[in-house]
Amino acid sequence: DGRVGPSNAAARKLLGDTLDGATVAEAIAHPAATEWLEHGRHAVPEEVELSALAGSRRPWRMRPTPIAGDALLIRLIDRSEAHAAEQMRVDFVANASHELRTPLATLIGYTETLRDNADEIDAATRERFLSVIDDEAHRMQSVVEDLISLSRIEAERLSAPTEAVHSGR
């Protein structure tokens, strides 16, 4: 009948104490949730992303699961940690790109200058340019080594343990 049945304490804390018995549209009061419940609920259940649910600035995911008859179990999953982790990944990639782009631009600039003006550059200037190129190449190498180390750490963190655990019996 489109009404909320029994809810748990976490749902009541998020959506209000008057949740039980309210219409789902009143209870969740989010356009994406209402749209799915009105038009998509007879399709294969899908997850619906909800932002600013119940005045919260956190990102949520609504995961409806069919249960008895036409009833749905609606789980609201706080995606704050996943969202924060994704933002950190985006920021990291931007920072790593910048850390690589800066010395790369320096390398390109100095090598082009050396190539295009080789006959006009004295030995002392050429050595100074080569020193800058060497420093920037080592800077890039350090950033790449850090990225490789981070990648290894991440791979090990996500790999399943392979050693047997002694039960102590």
C-alpha atoms as a PDB file:
ATOM      1  CA  ASP A   1       0.000   0.000   0.000  1.00  0.00           C
ATOM      2  CA  GLY A   2       3.068   2.259  -0.288  1.00  0.00           C
ATOM      3  CA  ARG A   3       3.512   2.683   3.460  1.00  0.00           C
ATOM      4  CA  VAL A   4       6.518   2.092   5.648  1.00  0.00           C
ATOM      5  CA  GLY A   5       6.271  -0.971   7.821  1.00  0.00           C
ATOM      6  CA  PRO A   6       8.466  -1.552  10.822  1.00  0.00           C
ATOM      7  CA  SER A   7      11.682   0.438  10.727  1.00  0.00           C
ATOM      8  CA  ASN A   8      14.847   0.174  12.740  1.00  0.00           C
ATOM      9  CA  ALA A   9      16.302   2.774  15.100  1.00  0.00           C
ATOM     10  CA  ALA A  10      18.903   3.935  12.551  1.00  0.00           C
ATOM     11  CA  ALA A  11      16.194   4.620   9.957  1.00  0.00           C
ATOM     12  CA  ARG A  12      14.091   6.518  12.493  1.00  0.00           C
ATOM     13  CA  LYS A  13      17.129   8.535  13.538  1.00  0.00           C
ATOM     14  CA  LEU A  14      17.808   9.496   9.909  1.00  0.00           C
ATOM     15  CA  LEU A  15      14.256   9.936   8.624  1.00  0.00           C
ATOM     16  CA  GLY A  16      12.331  10.834  11.793  1.00  0.00           C
ATOM     17  CA  ASP A  17      10.379   9.169  14.572  1.00  0.00           C
ATOM     18  CA  THR A  18       7.121   9.258  12.586  1.00  0.00           C
ATOM     19  CA  LEU A  19       8.536   6.939   9.933  1.00  0.00           C
ATOM     20  CA  ASP A  20       6.406   3.850  10.632  1.00  0.00           C
ATOM     21  CA  GLY A  21       3.095   4.072   8.801  1.00  0.00           C
ATOM     22  CA  ALA A  22       4.088   7.072   6.646  1.00  0.00           C
ATOM     23  CA  THR A  23       3.991   6.780   2.866  1.00  0.00           C
ATOM     24  CA  VAL A  24       7.339   5.896   1.387  1.00  0.00           C
ATOM     25  CA  ALA A  25       7.336   9.172  -0.579  1.00  0.00           C
ATOM     26  CA  GLU A  26       6.830  11.126   2.680  1.00  0.00           C
ATOM     27  CA  ALA A  27       9.349   9.047   4.595  1.00  0.00           C
ATOM     28  CA  ILE A  28      12.228   9.189   2.143  1.00  0.00           C
ATOM     29  CA  ALA A  29      11.228  12.484   0.490  1.00  0.00           C
ATOM     30  CA  HIS A  30      13.912  12.368  -2.151  1.00  0.00           C
ATOM     31  CA  PRO A  31      13.133  12.874  -5.875  1.00  0.00           C
ATOM     32  CA  ALA A  32      15.348   9.992  -7.086  1.00  0.00           C
ATOM     33  CA  ALA A  33      13.863   7.575  -4.545  1.00  0.00           C
ATOM     34  CA  THR A  34      10.310   8.681  -5.299  1.00  0.00           C
ATOM     35  CA  GLU A  35      10.923   8.356  -9.054  1.00  0.00           C
ATOM     36  CA  TRP A  36      12.266   4.814  -8.681  1.00  0.00           C
ATOM     37  CA  LEU A  37       9.509   3.741  -6.302  1.00  0.00           C
ATOM     38  CA  GLU A  38       6.797   5.109  -8.601  1.00  0.00           C
ATOM     39  CA  HIS A  39       8.184   4.024 -11.967  1.00  0.00           C
ATOM     40  CA  GLY A  40      11.044   1.584 -11.585  1.00  0.00           C
ATOM     41  CA  ARG A  41      10.039  -0.693  -8.762  1.00  0.00           C
ATOM     42  CA  HIS A  42       8.585  -3.382 -11.040  1.00  0.00           C
ATOM     43  CA  ALA A  43      11.865  -3.607 -12.917  1.00  0.00           C
ATOM     44  CA  VAL A  44      14.904  -5.420 -11.585  1.00  0.00           C
ATOM     45  CA  PRO A  45      15.772  -3.836  -8.242  1.00  0.00           C
ATOM     46  CA  GLU A  46      18.615  -1.432  -8.620  1.00  0.00           C
ATOM     47  CA  GLU A  47      20.591   0.797  -6.356  1.00  0.00           C
ATOM     48  CA  VAL A  48      19.625   4.442  -6.376  1.00  0.00           C
ATOM     49  CA  GLU A  49      22.108   7.161  -5.447  1.00  0.00           C
ATOM     50  CA  LEU A  50      20.665   9.760  -3.097  1.00  0.00           C
ATOM     51  CA  SER A  51      22.356  12.993  -2.117  1.00  0.00           C
ATOM     52  CA  ALA A  52      21.176  15.330   0.634  1.00  0.00           C
ATOM     53  CA  LEU A  53      18.811  12.731   2.095  1.00  0.00           C
ATOM     54  CA  ALA A  54      16.816  14.074   5.051  1.00  0.00           C
ATOM     55  CA  GLY A  55      18.873  17.256   5.117  1.00  0.00           C
ATOM     56  CA  SER A  56      22.120  15.311   5.417  1.00  0.00           C
ATOM     57  CA  ARG A  57      24.991  16.394   3.174  1.00  0.00           C
ATOM     58  CA  ARG A  58      26.266  12.817   3.049  1.00  0.00           C
ATOM     59  CA  PRO A  59      25.859  10.632  -0.046  1.00  0.00           C
ATOM     60  CA  TRP A  60      23.506   7.649   0.373  1.00  0.00           C
ATOM     61  CA  ARG A  61      22.612   4.596  -1.668  1.00  0.00           C
ATOM     62  CA  MET A  62      19.085   3.202  -1.545  1.00  0.00           C
ATOM     63  CA  ARG A  63      19.113  -0.553  -2.074  1.00  0.00           C
ATOM     64  CA  PRO A  64      15.574  -1.973  -2.448  1.00  0.00           C
ATOM     65  CA  THR A  65      15.140  -5.731  -2.119  1.00  0.00           C
ATOM     66  CA  PRO A  66      11.813  -7.468  -2.832  1.00  0.00           C
ATOM     67  CA  ILE A  67      10.459  -9.497   0.066  1.00  0.00           C
ATOM     68  CA  ALA A  68       7.000 -11.027   0.629  1.00  0.00           C
ATOM     69  CA  GLY A  69       4.341 -10.005  -1.916  1.00  0.00           C
ATOM     70  CA  ASP A  70       4.793  -6.434  -3.147  1.00  0.00           C
ATOM     71  CA  ALA A  71       6.779  -5.442  -0.069  1.00  0.00           C
ATOM     72  CA  LEU A  72      10.286  -4.081  -0.301  1.00  0.00           C
ATOM     73  CA  LEU A  73      13.072  -4.006   2.205  1.00  0.00           C
ATOM     74  CA  ILE A  74      14.757  -0.660   1.655  1.00  0.00           C
ATOM     75  CA  ARG A  75      18.282  -0.320   2.940  1.00  0.00           C
ATOM     76  CA  LEU A  76      19.876   3.098   3.071  1.00  0.00           C
ATOM     77  CA  ILE A  77      23.650   2.839   2.939  1.00  0.00           C
ATOM     78  CA  ASP A  78      25.821   5.761   4.007  1.00  0.00           C
ATOM     79  CA  ARG A  79      28.408   6.209   1.247  1.00  0.00           C
ATOM     80  CA  SER A  80      30.416   8.933   3.040  1.00  0.00           C
ATOM     81  CA  GLU A  81      33.534   6.828   3.515  1.00  0.00           C
ATOM     82  CA  ALA A  82      33.499   5.508  -0.051  1.00  0.00           C
ATOM     83  CA  HIS A  83      32.857   9.013  -1.355  1.00  0.00           C
ATOM     84  CA  ALA A  84      35.735  10.404   0.751  1.00  0.00           C
ATOM     85  CA  ALA A  85      38.036   7.614  -0.450  1.00  0.00           C
ATOM     86  CA  GLU A  86      37.121   8.332  -4.071  1.00  0.00           C
ATOM     87  CA  GLN A  87      37.761  12.039  -3.541  1.00  0.00           C
ATOM     88  CA  MET A  88      41.146  11.215  -2.011  1.00  0.00           C
ATOM     89  CA  ARG A  89      41.946   9.048  -5.044  1.00  0.00           C
ATOM     90  CA  VAL A  90      40.954  11.848  -7.434  1.00  0.00           C
ATOM     91  CA  ASP A  91      43.056  14.355  -5.469  1.00  0.00           C
ATOM     92  CA  PHE A  92      45.990  11.947  -5.375  1.00  0.00           C
ATOM     93  CA  VAL A  93      45.895  11.385  -9.133  1.00  0.00           C
ATOM     94  CA  ALA A  94      45.734  15.155  -9.706  1.00  0.00           C
ATOM     95  CA  ASN A  95      48.674  15.745  -7.354  1.00  0.00           C
ATOM     96  CA  ALA A  96      50.728  12.901  -8.830  1.00  0.00           C
ATOM     97  CA  SER A  97      50.025  14.207 -12.340  1.00  0.00           C
ATOM     98  CA  HIS A  98      51.187  17.663 -11.287  1.00  0.00           C
ATOM     99  CA  GLU A  99      54.309  16.248  -9.609  1.00  0.00           C
ATOM    100  CA  LEU A 100      55.203  14.474 -12.863  1.00  0.00           C
ATOM    101  CA  ARG A 101      54.154  17.246 -15.245  1.00  0.00           C
ATOM    102  CA  THR A 102      56.350  19.937 -13.646  1.00  0.00           C
ATOM    103  CA  PRO A 103      59.719  18.180 -13.992  1.00  0.00           C
ATOM    104  CA  LEU A 104      58.676  16.811 -17.383  1.00  0.00           C
ATOM    105  CA  ALA A 105      58.033  20.344 -18.671  1.00  0.00           C
ATOM    106  CA  THR A 106      61.432  21.391 -17.333  1.00  0.00           C
ATOM    107  CA  LEU A 107      63.112  18.432 -19.047  1.00  0.00           C
ATOM    108  CA  ILE A 108      61.441  19.197 -22.345  1.00  0.00           C
ATOM    109  CA  GLY A 109      62.265  22.892 -22.155  1.00  0.00           C
ATOM    110  CA  TYR A 110      65.935  22.405 -21.360  1.00  0.00           C
ATOM    111  CA  THR A 111      66.473  19.603 -23.899  1.00  0.00           C
ATOM    112  CA  GLU A 112      64.752  21.630 -26.661  1.00  0.00           C
ATOM    113  CA  THR A 113      66.931  24.613 -25.825  1.00  0.00           C
ATOM    114  CA  LEU A 114      70.061  22.472 -25.913  1.00  0.00           C
ATOM    115  CA  ARG A 115      69.052  20.837 -29.205  1.00  0.00           C
ATOM    116  CA  ASP A 116      67.872  23.996 -30.969  1.00  0.00           C
ATOM    117  CA  ASN A 117      70.763  26.209 -29.811  1.00  0.00           C
ATOM    118  CA  ALA A 118      73.607  23.696 -29.456  1.00  0.00           C
ATOM    119  CA  ASP A 119      76.113  25.836 -31.412  1.00  0.00           C
ATOM    120  CA  GLU A 120      75.357  28.991 -29.395  1.00  0.00           C
ATOM    121  CA  ILE A 121      75.535  27.544 -25.849  1.00  0.00           C
ATOM    122  CA  ASP A 122      78.867  27.700 -24.059  1.00  0.00           C
ATOM    123  CA  ALA A 123      80.204  24.745 -22.047  1.00  0.00           C
ATOM    124  CA  ALA A 124      79.355  26.222 -18.615  1.00  0.00           C
ATOM    125  CA  THR A 125      75.727  26.905 -19.606  1.00  0.00           C
ATOM    126  CA  ARG A 126      75.449  23.467 -21.190  1.00  0.00           C
ATOM    127  CA  GLU A 127      76.688  21.863 -17.940  1.00  0.00           C
ATOM    128  CA  ARG A 128      74.222  23.935 -15.892  1.00  0.00           C
ATOM    129  CA  PHE A 129      71.370  22.838 -18.186  1.00  0.00           C
ATOM    130  CA  LEU A 130      72.470  19.204 -17.990  1.00  0.00           C
ATOM    131  CA  SER A 131      72.584  19.456 -14.196  1.00  0.00           C
ATOM    132  CA  VAL A 132      68.992  20.765 -14.140  1.00  0.00           C
ATOM    133  CA  ILE A 133      67.910  17.983 -16.500  1.00  0.00           C
ATOM    134  CA  ASP A 134      69.594  15.396 -14.281  1.00  0.00           C
ATOM    135  CA  ASP A 135      67.962  16.817 -11.104  1.00  0.00           C
ATOM    136  CA  GLU A 136      64.501  16.889 -12.680  1.00  0.00           C
ATOM    137  CA  ALA A 137      64.894  13.359 -14.085  1.00  0.00           C
ATOM    138  CA  HIS A 138      65.793  12.115 -10.593  1.00  0.00           C
ATOM    139  CA  ARG A 139      62.803  14.017  -9.171  1.00  0.00           C
ATOM    140  CA  MET A 140      60.511  12.248 -11.647  1.00  0.00           C
ATOM    141  CA  GLN A 141      62.160   8.919 -10.856  1.00  0.00           C
ATOM    142  CA  SER A 142      61.449   9.466  -7.150  1.00  0.00           C
ATOM    143  CA  VAL A 143      57.773  10.225  -7.811  1.00  0.00           C
ATOM    144  CA  VAL A 144      57.438   7.140 -10.027  1.00  0.00           C
ATOM    145  CA  GLU A 145      59.137   4.963  -7.392  1.00  0.00           C
ATOM    146  CA  ASP A 146      56.709   6.312  -4.768  1.00  0.00           C
ATOM    147  CA  LEU A 147      53.779   5.475  -7.044  1.00  0.00           C
ATOM    148  CA  ILE A 148      55.096   1.952  -7.608  1.00  0.00           C
ATOM    149  CA  SER A 149      55.585   1.451  -3.856  1.00  0.00           C
ATOM    150  CA  LEU A 150      52.070   2.688  -3.191  1.00  0.00           C
ATOM    151  CA  SER A 151      50.726   0.356  -5.861  1.00  0.00           C
ATOM    152  CA  ARG A 152      52.508  -2.616  -4.247  1.00  0.00           C
ATOM    153  CA  ILE A 153      51.180  -1.706  -0.800  1.00  0.00           C
ATOM    154  CA  GLU A 154      47.661  -1.414  -2.213  1.00  0.00           C
ATOM    155  CA  ALA A 155      47.974  -4.769  -4.019  1.00  0.00           C
ATOM    156  CA  GLU A 156      49.193  -6.502  -0.845  1.00  0.00           C
ATOM    157  CA  ARG A 157      46.413  -4.912   1.200  1.00  0.00           C
ATOM    158  CA  LEU A 158      43.803  -6.296  -1.180  1.00  0.00           C
ATOM    159  CA  SER A 159      45.289  -9.765  -1.586  1.00  0.00           C
ATOM    160  CA  ALA A 160      43.825 -12.690   0.328  1.00  0.00           C
ATOM    161  CA  PRO A 161      46.004 -14.291   3.003  1.00  0.00           C
ATOM    162  CA  THR A 162      47.744 -17.466   1.867  1.00  0.00           C
ATOM    163  CA  GLU A 163      49.130 -18.727   5.162  1.00  0.00           C
ATOM    164  CA  ALA A 164      47.254 -21.220   7.333  1.00  0.00           C
ATOM    165  CA  VAL A 165      46.131 -19.998  10.724  1.00  0.00           C
ATOM    166  CA  HIS A 166      47.063 -22.136  13.717  1.00  0.00           C
ATOM    167  CA  SER A 167      43.929 -22.791  15.762  1.00  0.00           C
ATOM    168  CA  GLY A 168      45.821 -23.415  19.001  1.00  0.00           C
ATOM    169  CA  ARG A 169      44.031 -26.719  19.675  1.00  0.00           C
END
